[in-house]
Protein backbone atom coordinates (compact mmCIF):
# COMPACT_ATOMS: atom_id res chain seq x y z
CA MET A 1 7.49 -77.69 39.36
CA ASP A 2 9.73 -75.21 41.03
CA ASP A 3 7.70 -72.20 40.77
CA PHE A 4 4.86 -74.58 42.52
CA LEU A 5 7.36 -75.73 45.25
CA LEU A 6 8.68 -72.19 45.81
CA ILE A 7 5.26 -71.16 46.73
CA TYR A 8 4.59 -73.77 48.54
CA LYS A 9 7.61 -73.09 50.93
CA GLU A 10 6.27 -69.50 50.94
CA GLU A 11 2.69 -69.79 51.41
CA SER A 12 2.25 -73.49 53.41
CA VAL A 13 3.11 -71.89 57.16
CA LYS A 14 0.81 -68.75 56.42
CA LEU A 15 -2.03 -70.80 55.28
CA LEU A 16 -1.89 -73.50 57.89
CA LYS A 17 -1.66 -70.71 60.15
CA TYR A 18 -5.12 -68.73 58.98
CA LEU A 19 -6.78 -72.14 58.62
CA ARG A 20 -6.13 -73.07 62.36
CA ILE A 21 -7.72 -69.61 63.26
CA ILE A 22 -11.26 -70.17 60.86
CA CYS A 23 -11.24 -74.01 61.75
CA LYS A 24 -9.65 -75.89 65.00
CA ASP A 25 -10.37 -79.24 63.41
CA GLN A 26 -7.24 -80.66 62.45
CA TYR A 27 -8.85 -83.07 60.24
CA LEU A 28 -10.73 -80.50 58.50
CA VAL A 29 -7.66 -78.22 57.88
CA ASP A 30 -5.65 -80.75 56.88
CA ASP A 31 -8.42 -81.10 54.00
CA ILE A 32 -8.60 -77.87 52.98
CA PHE A 33 -5.08 -77.24 52.95
CA GLN A 34 -4.70 -80.20 50.30
CA GLU A 35 -7.77 -79.22 48.56
CA THR A 36 -5.99 -75.43 48.50
CA MET A 37 -2.68 -76.55 47.67
CA MET A 38 -4.32 -78.76 44.62
CA LYS A 39 -5.69 -75.29 43.11
CA ALA A 40 -2.76 -73.37 43.59
CA TYR A 41 -0.84 -76.05 41.14
CA GLU A 42 -3.79 -76.42 38.94
CA GLU A 43 -3.69 -72.47 38.72
CA LEU A 44 -0.12 -72.09 38.42
CA MET A 45 0.96 -75.06 36.30
CA ILE A 46 -2.11 -75.17 34.21
CA ASN A 47 -3.28 -71.40 34.17
CA ASN A 48 0.05 -69.59 34.65
CA LYS A 49 -1.27 -67.71 37.19
CA LYS A 50 0.14 -65.80 39.80
CA LEU A 51 -0.73 -66.50 43.26
CA ASN A 52 -0.20 -64.49 46.50
CA THR A 53 -1.13 -65.10 50.31
CA ARG A 54 -4.25 -63.21 49.98
CA TRP A 55 -5.30 -65.87 46.99
CA PHE A 56 -4.66 -68.62 49.38
CA CYS A 57 -6.52 -66.82 52.23
CA ILE A 58 -9.69 -66.36 50.22
CA VAL A 59 -9.43 -69.84 48.33
CA ALA A 60 -9.32 -71.56 51.80
CA LYS A 61 -12.04 -69.07 53.40
CA ASN A 62 -14.58 -70.11 50.58
CA MET A 63 -13.64 -73.63 51.00
CA TYR A 64 -13.99 -73.72 54.55
CA LEU A 65 -17.45 -71.87 53.88
CA ASN A 66 -18.74 -74.68 51.69
CA HIS A 67 -17.98 -76.97 53.88
CA CYS A 68 -19.96 -75.17 56.56
CA LYS A 69 -22.94 -74.94 53.95
CA LYS A 70 -22.68 -78.51 52.99
CA ASN A 71 -22.78 -79.68 56.29
CA ASN A 72 -25.57 -76.81 57.25
CA ARG A 73 -23.80 -75.99 60.23
CA ILE A 74 -20.93 -74.81 61.90
CA SER A 75 -19.24 -76.40 64.94
CA TYR A 76 -17.81 -74.05 67.19
CA ASP A 77 -16.71 -76.53 69.83
CA GLU A 78 -13.44 -76.12 67.82
CA ILE A 79 -13.05 -72.15 68.45
CA GLN A 80 -11.06 -72.05 71.58
CA ILE A 81 -11.96 -68.80 73.13
CA ILE A 82 -9.50 -67.29 75.50
CA GLU A 83 -8.74 -69.85 77.97
CA LYS A 84 -8.28 -68.42 81.81
CA SER A 85 -4.69 -68.86 82.73
CA ASP A 86 -5.30 -68.25 86.69
CA THR A 87 -5.44 -71.47 88.26
CA SER A 88 -5.76 -69.76 91.79
CA ASN A 89 -9.73 -69.48 91.19
CA SER A 90 -12.76 -71.23 93.20
CA PRO A 91 -14.23 -74.06 91.57
CA GLU A 92 -17.04 -72.45 91.10
CA GLU A 93 -15.29 -69.62 89.07
CA VAL A 94 -14.23 -72.50 86.63
CA VAL A 95 -17.88 -73.68 86.23
CA GLN A 96 -18.99 -69.93 85.81
CA TYR A 97 -16.21 -69.39 83.48
CA LYS A 98 -16.79 -72.69 81.41
CA GLU A 99 -20.39 -71.96 81.18
CA HIS A 100 -19.69 -68.31 79.89
CA LYS A 101 -17.48 -70.04 77.55
CA GLU A 102 -19.89 -72.26 76.05
CA PHE A 103 -22.69 -69.37 75.93
CA ILE A 104 -20.14 -67.24 73.99
CA ARG A 105 -19.50 -70.39 71.34
CA SER A 106 -23.23 -71.33 71.07
CA ILE A 107 -23.81 -67.50 70.03
CA LEU A 108 -20.74 -67.54 67.75
CA ASN A 109 -22.66 -70.44 66.19
CA CYS A 110 -25.98 -68.29 65.41
CA ILE A 111 -24.23 -65.66 63.49
CA ASN A 112 -23.22 -65.30 60.02
CA PRO A 113 -20.04 -67.49 59.29
CA LYS A 114 -18.26 -64.03 57.55
CA TYR A 115 -19.17 -62.54 60.84
CA LYS A 116 -17.63 -65.07 62.75
CA GLN A 117 -14.42 -64.83 60.86
CA LEU A 118 -14.12 -60.95 61.05
CA ILE A 119 -14.94 -61.33 65.03
CA LEU A 120 -11.90 -64.03 65.54
CA LEU A 121 -9.71 -62.61 63.38
CA ARG A 122 -10.14 -59.19 65.43
CA ASP A 123 -11.00 -59.75 68.73
CA TYR A 124 -9.47 -63.08 69.18
CA VAL A 125 -6.15 -63.19 66.89
CA GLY A 126 -5.78 -59.51 67.48
CA TYR A 127 -5.11 -58.92 63.24
CA SER A 128 -5.14 -54.85 62.11
CA TYR A 129 -7.81 -53.68 60.10
CA GLN A 130 -5.19 -53.93 57.06
CA GLU A 131 -4.19 -57.38 57.96
CA ILE A 132 -7.49 -58.44 57.80
CA ALA A 133 -8.06 -56.57 54.16
CA GLN A 134 -5.09 -58.74 53.23
CA ARG A 135 -6.14 -61.89 54.18
CA CYS A 136 -10.14 -61.66 53.50
CA GLY A 137 -9.84 -59.73 49.85
CA MET A 138 -11.28 -56.87 51.23
CA ASN A 139 -10.83 -53.42 51.71
CA ILE A 140 -9.99 -51.25 54.84
CA ALA A 141 -13.86 -49.48 54.88
CA GLY A 142 -15.47 -53.10 54.12
CA VAL A 143 -13.50 -54.79 57.32
CA LYS A 144 -14.62 -52.05 59.32
CA ILE A 145 -18.14 -52.03 58.50
CA GLY A 146 -17.98 -56.14 58.58
CA ILE A 147 -16.82 -55.84 62.16
CA PHE A 148 -19.59 -53.51 63.03
CA ARG A 149 -22.11 -55.70 61.69
CA ALA A 150 -20.64 -58.90 62.79
CA ARG A 151 -20.26 -56.84 66.77
CA LYS A 152 -24.45 -55.66 66.24
CA SER A 153 -25.23 -59.18 65.09
CA PHE A 154 -23.30 -60.63 68.26
CA LYS A 155 -24.86 -58.14 70.57
CA LYS A 156 -28.37 -58.36 69.33
CA GLU A 157 -28.22 -62.58 69.87
CA TYR A 158 -26.42 -62.42 73.45
CA ASP A 159 -29.20 -59.81 74.58
CA ARG A 160 -31.89 -61.67 72.96
CA ARG A 161 -30.46 -65.05 75.00
CA LYS A 162 -29.87 -63.30 78.30
CA ARG A 163 -33.99 -61.70 78.03
CA ASN A 164 -34.58 -65.24 77.85
CA GLU A 165 -32.77 -66.88 80.55
CA MET A 166 -34.70 -64.27 82.67
């Protein structure tokens, strides 16, 4: 039990931060956090398995992806694209910005959830390739390839929608 409490103290903050990155719905974050901790307890106490940050992130990510698949959708309303901090903009600029932000969110809603995660970790949070590799259980080359494909998929959908607007 002491081992679990030690791991809980070490990993809970990191895990919650990671979950808030991939899912902004606090209730879902709490549910996935609890399920991940239950699985960690089971792995530690029953199977005597060594657990690390990578293990927690992989389990949490898989639980989130399973949730998305079960619901046959991913709600990107919970994703906060960087908010504009300059309040001196005109009302028209603010409306245009909000429309563009919704446009970006709708595109993110269409791409593969794994691609979404890579884009958010690299471009939104600013993690290095090494940090993403550690958190996602991938090698650096796989991360670079995944990010390249994610951006390509995003750009393809972006271009398609822009053509349809005209």
